[in-house]
Amino acid sequence: MELGILKPLLTALVMPPLFLLLLALLGIRLAWRNKNRGLVLITLSLVMFWLLSCHGVAVWLARHALPQFDPVSVAQLKTGKVQAIAVLGGGVLPVAPEYGEAQPSELTAGRLRYGIWLGRHSGLPIAFSGGVGWAAEGSTSWGAGGSQTVSEAEVAARVALQDYGVKLHWLESQSHDTEGNARLLAPILQRDGVQRIALVTDAWHMPRAVLAFERYGLQVTPAPTGYVMPIEVGILEWLPSARGLQTSRDILREWLGLAVGRLMQV
């Protein structure tokens, strides 16, 4: 078993909701010996669970915990400073009964659509990078059902052609994560003389993605999509929801990834 397969498990242990549930369980255990300390931990876990489940908190985290990138304009892409558009995968739905074949996840679909839109308006060729993520790879290795058997790149190429009539110029289908996206796609582009790319991924994922691709020798113009913005009015933004918790988790995972990356460079 590759060590990378442990990444999803280790991430789950330090991210909500599992981390908060473990904290609450520790509080319950501690309460048997010290009631006050146990109640403090239980209360802390509940308060954090509430806050991180609010979409308003996710919006605040996106704006303050991570570096910010402005949207790219088509005019920027037409200046000649960018040679290609590179889109990063964000997962697939390995089982989509209504289609009878694998489909892009919500993240992948959004990134792919935006990359194609930029390509049509700028005339630039499009690359796509995405294999089988470590979590999906792990499900295959551990024999779980519903495992991913087709790469993100293969699904993206099919959907781009069927739904948009666009053929993706470069495909990278072996990567498991963001570092792999950069490490494997960069040489494919560089062999064709591409050194300057517009990088398409979600805004909250962009900081780590830019660092990865620059590390492998490419000049990057960020082209973020999927900004975390307010979606409901008034108090509804501050009520717990599954969407709010997932978005907070995504942002905290990226923040942790950036922090770990800086420590490894020290």
Protein backbone atom coordinates (compact mmCIF):
# COMPACT_ATOMS: atom_id res chain seq x y z
CA MET A 1 0.00 0.00 0.00
CA GLU A 2 1.38 3.41 -0.99
CA LEU A 3 1.86 5.93 1.81
CA GLY A 4 -0.17 8.50 -0.11
CA ILE A 5 -3.29 6.39 0.47
CA LEU A 6 -3.00 7.35 4.16
CA LYS A 7 -3.41 11.05 3.31
CA PRO A 8 -7.25 11.00 3.24
CA LEU A 9 -7.35 9.15 6.56
CA LEU A 10 -4.88 11.47 8.29
CA THR A 11 -6.68 14.50 6.87
CA ALA A 12 -10.04 13.23 8.15
CA LEU A 13 -8.60 12.84 11.65
CA VAL A 14 -7.60 16.52 11.92
CA MET A 15 -10.53 18.04 9.99
CA PRO A 16 -14.17 18.58 10.92
CA PRO A 17 -16.44 16.82 11.51
CA LEU A 18 -14.39 13.83 12.76
CA PHE A 19 -11.97 15.94 14.80
CA LEU A 20 -14.85 17.69 16.58
CA LEU A 21 -16.62 14.40 17.28
CA LEU A 22 -13.42 12.95 18.74
CA LEU A 23 -13.04 16.08 20.87
CA ALA A 24 -16.59 15.65 22.19
CA LEU A 25 -15.95 11.97 22.97
CA LEU A 26 -12.79 12.94 24.84
CA GLY A 27 -14.86 15.45 26.82
CA ILE A 28 -17.42 12.78 27.71
CA ARG A 29 -14.66 10.44 28.90
CA LEU A 30 -12.98 13.20 30.87
CA ALA A 31 -16.29 14.17 32.52
CA TRP A 32 -16.27 10.89 34.45
CA ARG A 33 -13.19 12.12 36.35
CA ASN A 34 -13.47 15.88 36.12
CA LYS A 35 -16.94 17.12 35.28
CA ASN A 36 -15.99 20.74 34.65
CA ARG A 37 -13.11 19.99 32.27
CA GLY A 38 -15.19 17.43 30.45
CA LEU A 39 -18.04 19.89 29.95
CA VAL A 40 -15.62 22.52 28.66
CA LEU A 41 -14.40 20.15 25.92
CA ILE A 42 -17.93 19.08 25.00
CA THR A 43 -19.11 22.70 24.83
CA LEU A 44 -16.07 23.72 22.79
CA SER A 45 -16.65 20.94 20.27
CA LEU A 46 -20.34 21.84 19.91
CA VAL A 47 -19.63 25.56 19.47
CA MET A 48 -16.93 24.86 16.87
CA PHE A 49 -19.24 22.41 15.10
CA TRP A 50 -21.97 25.07 14.94
CA LEU A 51 -19.65 27.81 13.68
CA LEU A 52 -17.85 25.73 11.07
CA SER A 53 -21.23 24.52 9.77
CA CYS A 54 -22.31 28.10 9.02
CA HIS A 55 -21.76 29.21 5.45
CA GLY A 56 -21.11 32.74 6.73
CA VAL A 57 -18.09 31.42 8.65
CA ALA A 58 -16.90 29.58 5.53
CA VAL A 59 -17.06 32.86 3.58
CA TRP A 60 -15.04 34.61 6.31
CA LEU A 61 -12.44 31.81 6.34
CA ALA A 62 -12.10 31.91 2.56
CA ARG A 63 -11.37 35.64 2.68
CA HIS A 64 -9.02 35.68 5.65
CA ALA A 65 -7.33 32.27 5.98
CA LEU A 66 -6.09 31.96 2.39
CA PRO A 67 -4.32 34.21 -0.14
CA GLN A 68 -6.75 35.90 -2.52
CA PHE A 69 -6.77 35.88 -6.33
CA ASP A 70 -8.83 38.13 -8.59
CA PRO A 71 -10.74 36.67 -11.54
CA VAL A 72 -8.76 36.55 -14.77
CA SER A 73 -10.02 38.47 -17.81
CA VAL A 74 -10.11 37.20 -21.37
CA ALA A 75 -8.10 40.29 -22.33
CA GLN A 76 -5.27 39.09 -20.06
CA LEU A 77 -5.22 35.76 -21.85
CA LYS A 78 -5.00 37.43 -25.26
CA THR A 79 -1.86 39.43 -24.45
CA GLY A 80 0.41 36.56 -25.42
CA LYS A 81 1.64 36.04 -21.87
CA VAL A 82 -0.34 32.77 -21.63
CA GLN A 83 0.19 29.84 -24.01
CA ALA A 84 -2.35 27.33 -22.69
CA ILE A 85 -5.13 26.79 -20.16
CA ALA A 86 -4.59 24.04 -17.58
CA VAL A 87 -7.64 22.68 -15.73
CA LEU A 88 -7.27 20.60 -12.56
CA GLY A 89 -9.65 17.76 -11.76
CA GLY A 90 -11.64 17.64 -8.53
CA GLY A 91 -13.01 14.11 -8.52
CA VAL A 92 -15.56 12.04 -10.42
CA LEU A 93 -18.82 10.29 -9.68
CA PRO A 94 -17.77 6.69 -10.41
CA VAL A 95 -21.38 5.52 -10.49
CA ALA A 96 -24.01 7.69 -12.22
CA PRO A 97 -26.99 5.38 -12.92
CA GLU A 98 -28.89 8.00 -14.91
CA TYR A 99 -26.02 8.28 -17.41
CA GLY A 100 -24.78 4.71 -17.24
CA GLU A 101 -21.15 5.85 -16.96
CA ALA A 102 -18.88 7.92 -14.72
CA GLN A 103 -19.46 11.67 -14.60
CA PRO A 104 -17.47 14.68 -13.34
CA SER A 105 -18.03 15.68 -9.74
CA GLU A 106 -19.49 19.12 -9.06
CA LEU A 107 -15.97 20.54 -8.63
CA THR A 108 -14.61 18.98 -11.81
CA ALA A 109 -17.65 20.00 -13.84
CA GLY A 110 -17.37 23.62 -12.71
CA ARG A 111 -13.64 23.82 -13.44
CA LEU A 112 -14.00 22.12 -16.81
CA ARG A 113 -16.84 24.38 -17.90
CA TYR A 114 -14.88 27.49 -16.97
CA GLY A 115 -11.72 26.24 -18.68
CA ILE A 116 -13.66 25.57 -21.88
CA TRP A 117 -15.30 29.00 -21.66
CA LEU A 118 -11.88 30.63 -21.34
CA GLY A 119 -10.55 28.55 -24.22
CA ARG A 120 -13.40 29.53 -26.52
CA HIS A 121 -13.01 33.24 -25.79
CA SER A 122 -9.22 33.31 -25.91
CA GLY A 123 -8.47 30.72 -28.57
CA LEU A 124 -5.99 28.97 -26.27
CA PRO A 125 -5.61 25.16 -26.16
CA ILE A 126 -6.74 23.35 -23.02
CA ALA A 127 -4.93 20.82 -20.85
CA PHE A 128 -6.59 18.72 -18.16
CA SER A 129 -4.87 17.01 -15.24
CA GLY A 130 -6.48 14.43 -12.99
CA GLY A 131 -6.09 10.73 -12.31
CA VAL A 132 -7.61 8.82 -9.41
CA GLY A 133 -7.50 10.67 -6.08
CA TRP A 134 -5.89 9.03 -3.07
CA ALA A 135 -9.28 8.51 -1.40
CA ALA A 136 -10.68 6.78 -4.49
CA GLU A 137 -7.40 4.87 -4.96
CA GLY A 138 -7.67 3.75 -1.36
CA SER A 139 -11.17 2.40 -1.87
CA THR A 140 -9.86 0.25 -4.71
CA SER A 141 -6.94 -1.01 -2.65
CA TRP A 142 -9.09 -1.80 0.36
CA GLY A 143 -11.79 -3.52 -1.68
CA ALA A 144 -14.57 -1.05 -1.00
CA GLY A 145 -17.58 -0.89 -3.28
CA GLY A 146 -18.19 1.96 -5.72
CA SER A 147 -14.47 2.48 -6.31
CA GLN A 148 -13.22 4.73 -9.11
CA THR A 149 -11.91 2.80 -12.11
CA VAL A 150 -11.66 5.63 -14.67
CA SER A 151 -9.46 8.73 -14.37
CA GLU A 152 -10.73 12.28 -14.03
CA ALA A 153 -8.96 13.15 -17.28
CA GLU A 154 -10.74 10.42 -19.23
CA VAL A 155 -14.14 11.54 -17.94
CA ALA A 156 -13.32 15.20 -18.61
CA ALA A 157 -12.20 14.47 -22.19
CA ARG A 158 -15.41 12.56 -22.92
CA VAL A 159 -17.68 15.21 -21.40
CA ALA A 160 -15.82 18.07 -23.10
CA LEU A 161 -16.33 16.43 -26.49
CA GLN A 162 -19.91 15.19 -25.95
CA ASP A 163 -21.35 18.21 -24.15
CA TYR A 164 -19.26 21.10 -25.47
CA GLY A 165 -17.85 19.83 -28.76
CA VAL A 166 -14.33 20.61 -27.54
CA LYS A 167 -11.32 18.31 -27.75
CA LEU A 168 -8.85 18.72 -24.90
CA HIS A 169 -5.34 19.21 -26.27
CA TRP A 170 -3.34 17.59 -23.44
CA LEU A 171 -4.43 14.98 -20.89
CA GLU A 172 -2.63 13.84 -17.74
CA SER A 173 -4.39 10.88 -16.10
CA GLN A 174 -1.94 9.42 -13.55
CA SER A 175 -1.86 12.00 -10.74
CA HIS A 176 -3.38 11.43 -7.31
CA ASP A 177 -3.20 14.95 -5.85
CA THR A 178 -2.23 18.56 -6.52
CA GLU A 179 1.50 17.93 -6.34
CA GLY A 180 1.05 15.09 -8.81
CA ASN A 181 -0.98 17.34 -11.13
CA ALA A 182 1.97 19.71 -11.38
CA ARG A 183 4.73 17.10 -11.43
CA LEU A 184 3.14 15.09 -14.24
CA LEU A 185 1.47 17.77 -16.35
CA ALA A 186 4.40 20.23 -16.42
CA PRO A 187 6.72 18.03 -18.53
CA ILE A 188 3.89 17.20 -20.96
CA LEU A 189 3.34 20.91 -21.59
CA GLN A 190 7.03 21.77 -21.61
CA ARG A 191 7.73 19.16 -24.31
CA ASP A 192 5.44 21.19 -26.57
CA GLY A 193 7.13 24.45 -25.63
CA VAL A 194 4.47 25.62 -23.18
CA GLN A 195 5.96 27.53 -20.24
CA ARG A 196 3.15 29.97 -19.40
CA ILE A 197 -0.29 28.74 -18.37
CA ALA A 198 -3.58 30.01 -17.04
CA LEU A 199 -4.40 27.65 -14.17
CA VAL A 200 -8.06 26.81 -13.57
CA THR A 201 -9.18 25.48 -10.20
CA ASP A 202 -11.39 26.62 -7.33
CA ALA A 203 -10.39 29.88 -5.67
CA TRP A 204 -9.83 28.18 -2.30
CA HIS A 205 -7.54 25.60 -3.97
CA MET A 206 -5.60 28.12 -6.05
CA PRO A 207 -2.86 29.11 -3.53
CA ARG A 208 -1.52 25.57 -3.17
CA ALA A 209 -1.98 24.80 -6.88
CA VAL A 210 -0.02 27.88 -7.99
CA LEU A 211 2.88 27.01 -5.69
CA ALA A 212 2.95 23.44 -7.01
CA PHE A 213 3.04 24.40 -10.69
CA GLU A 214 5.60 27.15 -10.16
CA ARG A 215 7.77 24.63 -8.32
CA TYR A 216 7.88 22.56 -11.51
CA GLY A 217 9.00 25.44 -13.69
CA LEU A 218 5.79 26.89 -15.17
CA GLN A 219 4.78 30.54 -15.12
CA VAL A 220 1.24 30.68 -13.75
CA THR A 221 -1.60 33.12 -14.31
CA PRO A 222 -4.31 32.18 -11.78
CA ALA A 223 -7.76 31.71 -13.32
CA PRO A 224 -9.89 30.87 -10.27
CA THR A 225 -13.49 29.75 -10.31
CA GLY A 226 -15.84 28.55 -7.57
CA TYR A 227 -15.41 31.55 -5.28
CA VAL A 228 -16.90 31.10 -1.80
CA MET A 229 -19.57 33.80 -1.72
CA PRO A 230 -22.68 34.44 0.40
CA ILE A 231 -25.54 32.37 -0.98
CA GLU A 232 -28.41 33.10 1.43
CA VAL A 233 -29.79 36.18 3.13
CA GLY A 234 -29.55 37.36 6.71
CA ILE A 235 -29.56 34.83 9.49
CA LEU A 236 -29.70 31.87 7.09
CA GLU A 237 -25.98 32.35 6.41
CA TRP A 238 -25.34 31.76 10.12
CA LEU A 239 -27.40 28.62 10.58
CA PRO A 240 -25.61 25.25 10.38
CA SER A 241 -25.81 23.37 7.09
CA ALA A 242 -24.05 20.46 5.44
CA ARG A 243 -22.87 22.79 2.65
CA GLY A 244 -21.39 25.21 5.17
CA LEU A 245 -19.51 22.43 6.96
CA GLN A 246 -18.14 21.00 3.70
CA THR A 247 -16.96 24.42 2.51
CA SER A 248 -15.29 25.20 5.85
CA ARG A 249 -13.59 21.81 5.71
CA ASP A 250 -12.28 22.46 2.19
CA ILE A 251 -10.81 25.80 3.23
CA LEU A 252 -9.24 24.47 6.44
CA ARG A 253 -7.71 21.57 4.51
CA GLU A 254 -6.09 24.00 2.08
CA TRP A 255 -4.87 26.19 4.94
CA LEU A 256 -3.35 23.13 6.61
CA GLY A 257 -1.76 22.03 3.32
CA LEU A 258 -0.13 25.44 2.88
CA ALA A 259 1.13 25.42 6.48
CA VAL A 260 2.62 21.93 6.12
CA GLY A 261 4.22 22.93 2.83
CA ARG A 262 5.93 25.94 4.44
CA LEU A 263 7.22 23.81 7.32
CA MET A 264 8.70 21.26 4.89
CA GLN A 265 10.59 24.04 3.12
CA VAL A 266 12.17 25.33 6.34
